[in-house]
Amino acid sequence: MSNPEAGRRPGGEQPPPGPGRISRARLRTPRAAAVAGIIFALLLGLALVLITVSSPARPATVGAWLTYSSRRDTLVLALNLVPFAGIAFLWFIGVVRDRIGDSEDQFFGSVFLGSGLLFVAMLFATAGVAGGLVADPALRSGASPGPDILAFGRGITGNLLQTYAMRMAAVFTMSTSTITLRTRVASVWISRSGIVVAAILLISVGLSPWVELLFPAWILLFSFDILNSGLRSSPGRRTGPRRSRR
C-alpha cells in the first residue's frame, strides 16, 4: 500500500507542483483571454452594426420607423447581444490582468480596471434605455410613438454610448496599450495601434457611428495576437516553482 505521507516534506509542507501543472495553467490563461476577447469583439461589433443599419439617422423625424417589425426585431436582436458581449468583456479583463501578474503598474492597472467596468456599465445602461423604448406595447399595436419621446430616448442612448461609453473604451484602450508596452506582453504594433485608436475614439466619436467599431476591431486584433503569441512570457510571472528562502 502507498504511504500518503511519502510525498510530503518534513514539517508537513506539500511538494511544489510539477512543471506539467504549471505549463498547463500558463497555457490556459492566454487562450481564455483570446477566446473571451474574440467573442466580445464579434458580439459588440455585430450589435453596433445592427443598431446602425436598423435605425435612421434622424428617428425623431421618422416617427413610424419602430413600428416596422423587421427593424424592431433587428434592434431587439442587437440589444439582446449586449449582455453577452459585456460578460465576455469582463472575462477578458480578468484573464488579461491575471496574465500580466506582478508586473502590472498599480496606476495604469487601476485605470485599466476602472475604465473597463465603467464601459460595461454605460453599455448596459444604453441597452436598457433602448430596450425600454422598443418594449412599448403601443409599438406592437401599430401606433407610432411621439417624436418627442423618440428624440428624448435617442438623446439619452446617444449620449450614454458615444459621449461616455466610447470614451471609457478609449481610456481602456490607452491604458491597455501602455501596460502592454511596458510589460512587453503583446506585439509592439498592437500597443501602438491601440494608442491611435484611443485618440480617435476620444476626438472623433459621435461624428459617425462607424467610428465606434474601431474599439471591437482593436480588441479582435489584440485577441488574435494573444492567441498567436500566447501572450509572451510576462516578467511578473515565474516559470517554475519558487525557491525557499534561508
Protein backbone atom coordinates (compact mmCIF):
# COMPACT_ATOMS: atom_id res chain seq x y z
CA MET A 1 0.00 0.00 0.00
CA SER A 2 1.21 3.53 -0.78
CA ASN A 3 2.05 5.76 2.12
CA PRO A 4 0.15 9.11 1.87
CA GLU A 5 2.87 10.77 3.93
CA ALA A 6 5.59 9.76 1.47
CA GLY A 7 5.00 12.74 -0.83
CA ARG A 8 5.18 15.28 2.00
CA ARG A 9 8.26 17.20 3.01
CA PRO A 10 9.45 17.50 6.61
CA GLY A 11 7.31 19.95 8.55
CA GLY A 12 4.12 18.99 6.68
CA GLU A 13 4.87 21.09 3.55
CA GLN A 14 3.45 19.90 0.28
CA PRO A 15 5.90 19.50 -2.62
CA PRO A 16 5.70 22.23 -5.28
CA PRO A 17 3.53 21.49 -8.31
CA GLY A 18 5.29 19.76 -11.15
CA PRO A 19 6.25 21.55 -14.37
CA GLY A 20 3.39 19.86 -16.18
CA ARG A 21 0.77 21.53 -13.98
CA ILE A 22 2.47 24.93 -14.26
CA SER A 23 2.72 24.76 -18.05
CA ARG A 24 -0.90 23.69 -18.44
CA ALA A 25 -2.10 26.54 -16.21
CA ARG A 26 0.04 29.05 -18.14
CA LEU A 27 -1.29 27.82 -21.47
CA ARG A 28 -4.93 28.03 -20.47
CA THR A 29 -4.86 31.72 -19.46
CA PRO A 30 -3.80 33.26 -22.82
CA ARG A 31 -6.23 31.01 -24.65
CA ALA A 32 -9.09 32.03 -22.35
CA ALA A 33 -8.23 35.71 -22.80
CA ALA A 34 -8.11 35.34 -26.57
CA VAL A 35 -11.41 33.47 -26.79
CA ALA A 36 -13.17 35.96 -24.49
CA GLY A 37 -11.80 38.91 -26.47
CA ILE A 38 -12.83 37.42 -29.80
CA ILE A 39 -16.35 36.67 -28.54
CA PHE A 40 -16.71 40.20 -27.16
CA ALA A 41 -15.42 41.84 -30.33
CA LEU A 42 -17.72 39.85 -32.60
CA LEU A 43 -20.81 40.32 -30.43
CA LEU A 44 -20.30 44.04 -29.84
CA GLY A 45 -19.36 44.68 -33.45
CA LEU A 46 -22.44 42.84 -34.68
CA ALA A 47 -24.67 44.70 -32.20
CA LEU A 48 -23.32 48.10 -33.27
CA VAL A 49 -23.76 47.26 -36.96
CA LEU A 50 -27.33 46.05 -36.45
CA ILE A 51 -28.23 49.16 -34.45
CA THR A 52 -26.73 51.43 -37.09
CA VAL A 53 -28.43 49.81 -40.08
CA SER A 54 -31.82 49.41 -38.36
CA SER A 55 -32.22 52.98 -37.12
CA PRO A 56 -32.49 56.06 -39.35
CA ALA A 57 -30.16 58.99 -38.97
CA ARG A 58 -32.95 61.16 -37.52
CA PRO A 59 -35.56 58.93 -35.85
CA ALA A 60 -37.39 61.96 -34.41
CA THR A 61 -38.46 62.96 -37.94
CA VAL A 62 -39.43 59.38 -38.86
CA GLY A 63 -41.79 58.55 -36.03
CA ALA A 64 -43.05 55.27 -37.52
CA TRP A 65 -39.70 53.54 -38.01
CA LEU A 66 -40.06 51.43 -34.85
CA THR A 67 -43.48 50.18 -35.94
CA TYR A 68 -41.91 48.14 -38.75
CA SER A 69 -41.48 44.64 -37.38
CA SER A 70 -38.29 43.94 -39.35
CA ARG A 71 -36.45 46.98 -37.99
CA ARG A 72 -37.78 46.45 -34.49
CA ASP A 73 -36.75 42.78 -34.47
CA THR A 74 -33.27 43.70 -35.72
CA LEU A 75 -32.91 46.26 -32.94
CA VAL A 76 -34.15 43.76 -30.33
CA LEU A 77 -31.61 41.21 -31.56
CA ALA A 78 -28.81 43.75 -31.25
CA LEU A 79 -29.85 44.70 -27.72
CA ASN A 80 -30.01 41.03 -26.68
CA LEU A 81 -26.39 40.58 -27.80
CA VAL A 82 -25.14 43.35 -25.49
CA PRO A 83 -25.30 41.41 -22.16
CA PHE A 84 -23.31 38.52 -23.58
CA ALA A 85 -20.75 40.94 -25.01
CA GLY A 86 -20.41 42.54 -21.57
CA ILE A 87 -19.90 39.18 -19.87
CA ALA A 88 -17.20 38.23 -22.37
CA PHE A 89 -15.51 41.61 -21.85
CA LEU A 90 -15.41 41.15 -18.07
CA TRP A 91 -13.86 37.72 -18.56
CA PHE A 92 -11.34 39.25 -20.95
CA ILE A 93 -10.35 41.86 -18.35
CA GLY A 94 -9.92 39.21 -15.66
CA VAL A 95 -7.71 36.83 -17.57
CA VAL A 96 -5.53 39.62 -19.03
CA ARG A 97 -4.93 41.05 -15.54
CA ASP A 98 -4.15 37.58 -14.22
CA ARG A 99 -1.65 37.03 -17.02
CA ILE A 100 0.14 40.34 -16.52
CA GLY A 101 0.57 39.46 -12.87
CA ASP A 102 3.01 41.25 -10.58
CA SER A 103 4.43 43.38 -13.38
CA GLU A 104 1.20 45.38 -13.60
CA ASP A 105 1.68 49.02 -12.69
CA GLN A 106 -0.77 49.98 -9.93
CA PHE A 107 -1.72 53.31 -11.51
CA PHE A 108 -2.35 52.04 -15.02
CA GLY A 109 -3.83 48.83 -13.63
CA SER A 110 -6.42 50.84 -11.69
CA VAL A 111 -7.27 52.91 -14.77
CA PHE A 112 -7.43 49.72 -16.86
CA LEU A 113 -9.88 48.03 -14.49
CA GLY A 114 -11.96 51.13 -13.70
CA SER A 115 -12.43 52.19 -17.32
CA GLY A 116 -13.37 48.65 -18.32
CA LEU A 117 -16.03 48.38 -15.61
CA LEU A 118 -17.42 51.84 -16.43
CA PHE A 119 -17.58 50.92 -20.11
CA VAL A 120 -19.65 47.83 -19.36
CA ALA A 121 -21.93 49.82 -17.02
CA MET A 122 -22.55 52.52 -19.65
CA LEU A 123 -23.10 49.88 -22.34
CA PHE A 124 -25.71 48.10 -20.22
CA ALA A 125 -27.42 51.40 -19.38
CA THR A 126 -27.63 52.27 -23.08
CA ALA A 127 -29.13 48.89 -23.91
CA GLY A 128 -31.58 49.19 -21.03
CA VAL A 129 -32.93 52.57 -22.13
CA ALA A 130 -33.19 51.49 -25.76
CA GLY A 131 -34.87 48.24 -24.73
CA GLY A 132 -37.44 50.20 -22.74
CA LEU A 133 -38.36 52.21 -25.82
CA VAL A 134 -38.67 49.13 -28.01
CA ALA A 135 -40.74 47.26 -25.39
CA ASP A 136 -43.52 49.87 -25.53
CA PRO A 137 -46.77 47.90 -26.08
CA ALA A 138 -48.08 50.67 -28.35
CA LEU A 139 -45.48 49.75 -30.96
CA ARG A 140 -46.84 46.23 -31.37
CA SER A 141 -50.32 47.57 -31.99
CA GLY A 142 -49.04 49.68 -34.87
CA ALA A 143 -49.24 53.02 -33.09
CA SER A 144 -46.46 55.47 -33.85
CA PRO A 145 -44.59 56.86 -30.84
CA GLY A 146 -44.43 60.60 -30.48
CA PRO A 147 -41.43 62.41 -31.95
CA ASP A 148 -40.65 63.94 -28.56
CA ILE A 149 -40.34 60.51 -26.97
CA LEU A 150 -38.10 59.27 -29.77
CA ALA A 151 -35.93 62.36 -29.60
CA PHE A 152 -35.60 62.05 -25.82
CA GLY A 153 -34.75 58.34 -25.99
CA ARG A 154 -32.30 58.83 -28.83
CA GLY A 155 -30.63 61.67 -26.91
CA ILE A 156 -30.13 59.52 -23.79
CA THR A 157 -28.88 56.45 -25.63
CA GLY A 158 -26.66 58.51 -27.91
CA ASN A 159 -25.03 60.37 -25.04
CA LEU A 160 -24.54 57.24 -22.97
CA LEU A 161 -22.98 55.30 -25.84
CA GLN A 162 -20.99 57.96 -27.66
CA THR A 163 -20.11 60.51 -25.00
CA TYR A 164 -19.49 58.19 -22.06
CA ALA A 165 -19.18 54.50 -23.03
CA MET A 166 -16.92 55.02 -26.03
CA ARG A 167 -14.71 57.47 -24.20
CA MET A 168 -14.32 54.93 -21.42
CA ALA A 169 -13.43 52.46 -24.17
CA ALA A 170 -10.78 54.93 -25.34
CA VAL A 171 -9.32 55.17 -21.82
CA PHE A 172 -9.36 51.38 -21.55
CA THR A 173 -7.55 51.05 -24.88
CA MET A 174 -4.97 53.66 -23.91
CA SER A 175 -4.24 52.08 -20.52
CA THR A 176 -4.07 48.59 -22.02
CA SER A 177 -1.66 49.77 -24.70
CA THR A 178 0.53 51.48 -22.09
CA ILE A 179 0.63 48.36 -19.91
CA THR A 180 1.47 46.09 -22.84
CA LEU A 181 4.21 48.47 -23.98
CA ARG A 182 5.80 48.44 -20.52
CA THR A 183 5.48 44.71 -19.88
CA ARG A 184 6.07 43.53 -23.47
CA VAL A 185 3.24 41.02 -23.19
CA ALA A 186 1.90 41.86 -26.67
CA SER A 187 3.27 42.91 -30.02
CA VAL A 188 4.55 46.47 -30.22
CA TRP A 189 2.37 47.27 -33.22
CA ILE A 190 -0.71 46.21 -31.29
CA SER A 191 0.16 48.58 -28.45
CA ARG A 192 0.96 51.50 -30.75
CA SER A 193 -2.17 50.98 -32.83
CA GLY A 194 -4.18 50.94 -29.59
CA ILE A 195 -2.89 54.42 -28.74
CA VAL A 196 -4.01 55.65 -32.17
CA VAL A 197 -7.44 54.02 -31.77
CA ALA A 198 -7.82 55.58 -28.32
CA ALA A 199 -7.01 59.04 -29.67
CA ILE A 200 -9.55 58.64 -32.50
CA LEU A 201 -12.26 57.47 -30.09
CA LEU A 202 -11.61 60.39 -27.75
CA ILE A 203 -11.77 63.01 -30.51
CA SER A 204 -13.88 61.64 -33.36
CA VAL A 205 -16.56 59.57 -31.63
CA GLY A 206 -20.01 60.96 -32.36
CA LEU A 207 -19.07 62.19 -35.83
CA SER A 208 -20.00 58.83 -37.35
CA PRO A 209 -21.48 55.68 -35.81
CA TRP A 210 -18.96 53.59 -37.72
CA VAL A 211 -16.09 55.08 -35.68
CA GLU A 212 -17.35 53.09 -32.69
CA LEU A 213 -16.38 49.87 -34.50
CA LEU A 214 -12.70 50.73 -34.00
CA PHE A 215 -12.87 49.54 -30.39
CA PRO A 216 -14.12 45.98 -31.01
CA ALA A 217 -11.86 45.80 -34.07
CA TRP A 218 -8.79 46.58 -31.93
CA ILE A 219 -9.87 44.08 -29.25
CA LEU A 220 -10.21 41.49 -32.01
CA LEU A 221 -6.67 42.16 -33.28
CA PHE A 222 -5.33 42.12 -29.73
CA SER A 223 -7.06 38.79 -29.05
CA PHE A 224 -5.63 37.21 -32.19
CA ASP A 225 -2.18 38.43 -31.15
CA ILE A 226 -2.71 36.78 -27.75
CA LEU A 227 -3.79 33.58 -29.47
CA ASN A 228 -0.81 33.53 -31.83
CA SER A 229 1.94 34.52 -29.44
CA GLY A 230 0.50 33.08 -26.23
CA LEU A 231 0.88 36.49 -24.58
CA ARG A 232 4.64 36.32 -24.34
CA SER A 233 6.03 35.26 -21.03
CA SER A 234 5.42 38.08 -18.59
CA PRO A 235 8.18 39.18 -16.21
CA GLY A 236 5.58 39.33 -13.47
CA ARG A 237 5.09 35.55 -13.60
CA ARG A 238 7.51 32.87 -12.54
CA THR A 239 8.11 30.00 -14.89
CA GLY A 240 8.98 27.49 -12.23
CA PRO A 241 8.50 26.67 -8.57
CA ARG A 242 9.61 29.24 -6.04
CA ARG A 243 12.78 28.62 -4.13
CA SER A 244 12.60 28.60 -0.39
CA ARG A 245 14.46 31.39 1.37
CA ARG A 246 17.01 30.54 4.01
